[in-house]
């Protein structure tokens, strides 16, 4: 009788324990699904963009042109005068003006210009540079305009015109023809261009003011050939103009009376 009760009580206890476990499972909250993405689906890291490095464009290398400059006309031109001048591609016409005067040791104190001509035998038929200058009024002409004009544009072999430089005096002018030679000198960064190639020069420097006198010369016989031509006499002497009026400093009125300094008080 006792054994039967113990079996029943064990069975009852086992059932009760089983129910408690089942009820505990039901009561436990459901486990949340993981929100982490698998490693394979991780966001790709883009490689850093390359930064474009811009470098300043390298300036074109300079080249050298050799010019032959020939003095064609001038008031005191007695001998052949040819000079060779090397210029770079970035040189302008104002640079050439200075270079020509330096090559013949002329002072830079007069007006100047450049021009083309079709007839080398007639240098009066000119096409001036720039086009709006007609060569008539040098006093109003601003030669600084040549600082913006490259030599390479005008001194060229493919232009069928003579290219000239004119150095203008009051009544006379010096005219130089400019030609491009076939020489191909190398550019030297240590050289200051334009430069005259003295070893190629032909003939002496012409005299800018005549007979070796400078611009302060008071000798009209040599300084102004035009003045001599006006009187039709190569032996012209400016002192002759004063004969009859100023015989000498002691006789300002030409009446033969000797000058006396005390006479000044009588005026």
Protein backbone atom coordinates (compact mmCIF):
# COMPACT_ATOMS: atom_id res chain seq x y z
CA UNK A 1 0.00 0.00 0.00
CA UNK A 2 2.81 2.39 0.82
CA UNK A 3 4.85 1.49 -2.30
CA UNK A 4 1.91 2.35 -4.53
CA UNK A 5 1.54 5.77 -2.96
CA UNK A 6 5.20 6.54 -3.38
CA UNK A 7 5.08 5.74 -7.08
CA UNK A 8 2.06 7.92 -7.56
CA UNK A 9 3.67 10.75 -5.63
CA UNK A 10 6.85 10.49 -7.73
CA UNK A 11 4.79 10.56 -10.88
CA UNK A 12 2.88 13.58 -9.66
CA UNK A 13 6.13 15.38 -8.73
CA UNK A 14 7.69 14.63 -12.15
CA UNK A 15 4.68 16.04 -13.96
CA UNK A 16 4.70 19.12 -11.82
CA UNK A 17 8.42 19.71 -12.53
CA UNK A 18 7.89 19.22 -16.26
CA UNK A 19 5.10 21.81 -16.28
CA UNK A 20 7.28 24.34 -14.46
CA UNK A 21 10.08 23.94 -17.02
CA UNK A 22 7.68 24.32 -19.93
CA UNK A 23 6.06 27.36 -18.36
CA UNK A 24 9.54 28.86 -17.77
CA UNK A 25 10.44 28.38 -21.43
CA UNK A 26 7.24 30.10 -22.49
CA UNK A 27 7.83 32.99 -20.15
CA UNK A 28 11.42 33.63 -21.38
CA UNK A 29 11.53 36.54 -23.87
CA UNK A 30 12.45 35.73 -27.43
CA UNK A 31 16.15 36.45 -28.28
CA UNK A 32 16.53 39.43 -30.63
CA UNK A 33 18.02 38.79 -34.01
CA UNK A 34 21.53 40.20 -34.45
CA UNK A 35 21.63 43.52 -36.36
CA UNK A 36 25.29 43.21 -37.30
CA UNK A 37 25.99 42.76 -40.99
CA UNK A 38 28.24 39.96 -42.00
CA UNK A 39 31.86 40.91 -42.58
CA UNK A 40 31.50 40.33 -46.29
CA UNK A 41 28.79 42.99 -46.51
CA UNK A 42 30.81 45.65 -44.68
CA UNK A 43 31.02 49.05 -46.43
CA UNK A 44 33.94 49.31 -48.78
CA UNK A 45 36.52 51.97 -47.95
CA UNK A 46 37.21 54.00 -51.08
CA UNK A 47 40.86 54.75 -51.74
CA UNK A 48 41.90 58.38 -51.22
CA UNK A 49 41.58 60.47 -54.34
CA UNK A 50 44.82 61.62 -55.85
CA UNK A 51 45.32 65.37 -55.64
CA UNK A 52 46.11 66.84 -59.01
CA UNK A 53 49.32 68.83 -58.81
CA UNK A 54 49.47 71.57 -61.42
CA UNK A 55 52.88 72.86 -62.39
CA UNK A 56 53.54 76.22 -64.03
CA UNK A 57 54.14 75.96 -67.75
CA UNK A 58 57.80 76.25 -68.58
CA UNK A 59 58.66 79.36 -70.54
CA UNK A 60 59.81 78.67 -74.08
CA UNK A 61 63.55 78.73 -74.53
CA UNK A 62 64.94 81.87 -76.09
CA UNK A 63 66.58 81.77 -79.47
CA UNK A 64 68.94 84.26 -81.05
CA UNK A 65 68.71 86.02 -84.42
CA UNK A 66 71.68 87.78 -85.97
CA UNK A 67 70.88 91.04 -87.77
CA UNK A 68 73.01 92.88 -90.31
CA UNK A 69 72.61 96.65 -89.86
CA UNK A 70 73.98 98.78 -92.71
CA UNK A 71 74.17 102.56 -92.61
CA UNK A 72 72.71 103.67 -95.96
CA UNK A 73 72.58 107.45 -95.58
CA UNK A 74 73.81 110.11 -93.17
CA UNK A 75 75.06 113.71 -93.16
CA UNK A 76 78.64 112.65 -92.28
CA UNK A 77 78.78 109.17 -93.78
CA UNK A 78 82.15 108.82 -95.51
CA UNK A 79 82.92 105.09 -95.24
CA UNK A 80 81.15 101.77 -95.32
CA UNK A 81 79.50 101.03 -91.99
CA UNK A 82 78.03 97.58 -91.24
CA UNK A 83 77.28 96.16 -87.82
CA UNK A 84 76.05 92.73 -86.72
CA UNK A 85 73.70 92.63 -83.75
CA UNK A 86 72.39 89.50 -81.98
CA UNK A 87 68.86 89.81 -80.59
CA UNK A 88 66.63 87.35 -78.73
CA UNK A 89 63.08 86.39 -79.61
CA UNK A 90 61.67 88.55 -76.80
CA UNK A 91 63.48 91.75 -77.84
CA UNK A 92 61.42 94.71 -79.05
CA UNK A 93 62.01 97.53 -81.52
CA UNK A 94 62.96 99.96 -78.78
CA UNK A 95 65.73 97.55 -77.75
CA UNK A 96 66.90 97.51 -81.36
CA UNK A 97 66.94 101.32 -81.48
CA UNK A 98 69.28 101.42 -78.47
CA UNK A 99 71.43 98.59 -79.87
CA UNK A 100 71.95 100.33 -83.22
CA UNK A 101 73.02 103.59 -81.59
CA UNK A 102 75.35 101.74 -79.21
CA UNK A 103 76.93 99.84 -82.10
CA UNK A 104 78.09 103.11 -83.70
CA UNK A 105 78.59 105.09 -80.45
CA UNK A 106 75.81 107.60 -81.13
CA UNK A 107 74.08 109.58 -78.38
CA UNK A 108 70.40 108.82 -77.86
CA UNK A 109 68.96 112.32 -77.96
CA UNK A 110 66.91 112.54 -81.17
CA UNK A 111 63.65 111.09 -82.43
CA UNK A 112 63.62 107.86 -84.45
CA UNK A 113 61.28 105.50 -86.25
CA UNK A 114 61.10 102.33 -88.31
CA UNK A 115 59.65 101.87 -91.76
CA UNK A 116 59.25 99.48 -94.71
CA UNK A 117 59.91 100.31 -98.33
CA UNK A 118 59.45 98.36 -101.55
CA UNK A 119 62.13 100.21 -103.49
CA UNK A 120 65.61 100.19 -101.97
CA UNK A 121 66.65 102.88 -104.46
CA UNK A 122 63.92 105.22 -103.26
CA UNK A 123 63.98 105.47 -99.48
CA UNK A 124 61.52 108.38 -99.55
CA UNK A 125 58.62 106.05 -100.34
CA UNK A 126 58.01 104.74 -96.83
CA UNK A 127 55.43 102.78 -94.92
CA UNK A 128 56.05 103.77 -91.32
CA UNK A 129 55.63 101.59 -88.27
CA UNK A 130 53.13 101.87 -86.67
CA UNK A 131 50.64 102.47 -89.47
CA UNK A 132 49.04 105.53 -87.84
CA UNK A 133 52.33 107.44 -88.00
CA UNK A 134 53.09 109.23 -91.26
CA UNK A 135 56.55 110.53 -90.43
CA UNK A 136 55.52 114.18 -90.58
CA UNK A 137 55.44 115.20 -86.92
CA UNK A 138 58.16 113.61 -84.82
CA UNK A 139 57.59 116.05 -81.96
CA UNK A 140 54.17 114.53 -81.33
CA UNK A 141 55.24 110.93 -81.95
CA UNK A 142 55.65 108.79 -78.81
CA UNK A 143 58.46 106.33 -79.54
CA UNK A 144 57.55 104.30 -76.43
CA UNK A 145 55.10 102.50 -78.70
CA UNK A 146 58.03 100.43 -79.96
CA UNK A 147 58.40 98.77 -76.56
CA UNK A 148 55.34 96.65 -77.40
CA UNK A 149 56.55 95.56 -80.86
CA UNK A 150 58.74 92.47 -81.14
CA UNK A 151 61.65 92.59 -83.56
CA UNK A 152 60.78 89.10 -84.80
CA UNK A 153 57.52 90.41 -86.26
CA UNK A 154 59.24 92.91 -88.54
CA UNK A 155 62.78 91.63 -89.17
CA UNK A 156 61.98 88.51 -91.18
CA UNK A 157 63.24 86.82 -94.30
CA UNK A 158 59.76 86.09 -95.63
CA UNK A 159 58.78 89.77 -95.93
CA UNK A 160 59.51 91.11 -99.43
CA UNK A 161 60.13 94.65 -98.17
CA UNK A 162 63.19 96.48 -96.98
CA UNK A 163 63.12 97.09 -93.24
CA UNK A 164 64.76 100.32 -92.05
CA UNK A 165 65.57 102.36 -88.98
CA UNK A 166 65.81 106.15 -89.22
CA UNK A 167 67.48 108.38 -86.64
CA UNK A 168 66.00 111.83 -87.19
CA UNK A 169 67.97 115.06 -86.82
CA UNK A 170 66.53 118.56 -87.24
CA UNK A 171 67.17 118.72 -90.98
CA UNK A 172 69.07 115.50 -91.67
CA UNK A 173 68.62 111.83 -90.89
CA UNK A 174 70.62 108.67 -90.55
CA UNK A 175 69.09 105.65 -92.28
CA UNK A 176 70.00 102.03 -91.52
CA UNK A 177 68.85 98.91 -93.33
CA UNK A 178 68.09 95.89 -91.11
CA UNK A 179 68.45 92.37 -92.53
CA UNK A 180 68.22 88.88 -91.04
CA UNK A 181 71.32 86.79 -91.66
CA UNK A 182 71.60 83.02 -92.06
CA UNK A 183 73.78 82.72 -88.97
CA UNK A 184 72.37 80.65 -86.10
CA UNK A 185 74.15 81.78 -82.93
CA UNK A 186 73.44 79.86 -79.74
CA UNK A 187 71.71 81.56 -76.83
CA UNK A 188 74.00 82.28 -73.88
CA UNK A 189 72.19 82.96 -70.60
CA UNK A 190 75.22 84.88 -69.32
CA UNK A 191 75.10 87.35 -72.22
CA UNK A 192 73.13 90.58 -72.04
CA UNK A 193 71.21 90.96 -75.31
CA UNK A 194 71.06 92.70 -77.74
CA UNK A 195 74.79 92.57 -78.34
CA UNK A 196 77.00 93.87 -81.14
CA UNK A 197 79.44 91.32 -82.57
CA UNK A 198 82.49 93.54 -82.87
CA UNK A 199 84.55 90.91 -84.68
CA UNK A 200 82.16 91.12 -87.66
CA UNK A 201 81.94 94.92 -87.84
CA UNK A 202 82.88 96.59 -91.12
CA UNK A 203 84.09 100.17 -91.33
CA UNK A 204 84.59 102.87 -88.70
CA UNK A 205 81.85 104.53 -86.70
CA UNK A 206 80.39 107.51 -88.55
CA UNK A 207 80.73 110.90 -86.85
CA UNK A 208 77.44 111.85 -85.32
CA UNK A 209 78.18 115.59 -85.22
CA UNK A 210 80.87 115.90 -87.87
CA UNK A 211 84.68 116.13 -87.73
CA UNK A 212 84.89 114.70 -84.24
CA UNK A 213 82.97 117.53 -82.59
CA UNK A 214 80.41 116.72 -79.94
CA UNK A 215 76.95 118.22 -79.49
CA UNK A 216 78.44 121.25 -77.71
CA UNK A 217 80.57 122.15 -80.70
CA UNK A 218 80.51 125.81 -81.70
CA UNK A 219 82.22 125.34 -85.05
CA UNK A 220 79.48 125.85 -87.69
CA UNK A 221 81.87 124.93 -90.48
CA UNK A 222 81.73 121.28 -89.37
CA UNK A 223 78.63 121.09 -87.25
CA UNK A 224 75.97 122.01 -89.78
CA UNK A 225 76.54 121.10 -93.45
CA UNK A 226 72.99 122.27 -94.16
CA UNK A 227 73.88 125.77 -93.01
CA UNK A 228 76.79 125.84 -95.44
CA UNK A 229 74.53 124.65 -98.24
CA UNK A 230 72.06 127.47 -97.55
CA UNK A 231 74.74 129.99 -98.39
CA UNK A 232 76.01 127.99 -101.34
CA UNK A 233 79.54 128.09 -100.00
CA UNK A 234 81.46 125.25 -98.39
CA UNK A 235 83.77 127.82 -96.87
CA UNK A 236 80.88 129.46 -95.01
CA UNK A 237 81.80 130.96 -91.66
CA UNK A 238 79.09 132.07 -89.27
CA UNK A 239 81.23 135.02 -88.17
CA UNK A 240 80.68 136.58 -91.60
CA UNK A 241 77.04 137.21 -90.66
CA UNK A 242 78.12 139.75 -88.09
CA UNK A 243 80.43 141.80 -90.37
CA UNK A 244 79.15 145.34 -90.75
CA UNK A 245 77.20 145.21 -87.53
CA UNK A 246 79.72 143.85 -85.05
CA UNK A 247 83.16 144.73 -86.30
CA UNK A 248 84.39 143.71 -82.88
CA UNK A 249 83.24 143.84 -79.28
CA UNK A 250 84.63 147.38 -78.84
CA UNK A 251 82.49 148.87 -81.62
CA UNK A 252 78.91 147.58 -81.26
CA UNK A 253 77.47 150.23 -83.54
CA UNK A 254 80.11 150.08 -86.24
CA UNK A 255 80.90 153.83 -86.09
CA UNK A 256 84.61 153.44 -85.44
CA UNK A 257 84.51 154.72 -81.86
CA UNK A 258 86.47 152.71 -79.38
CA UNK A 259 84.46 151.18 -76.58
CA UNK A 260 84.82 152.76 -73.18
CA UNK A 261 83.30 151.00 -70.20
CA UNK A 262 82.37 154.35 -68.66
CA UNK A 263 80.09 154.97 -71.63
CA UNK A 264 77.67 152.40 -70.25
CA UNK A 265 76.64 154.87 -67.58
CA UNK A 266 75.46 157.30 -70.23
CA UNK A 267 72.71 154.96 -71.48
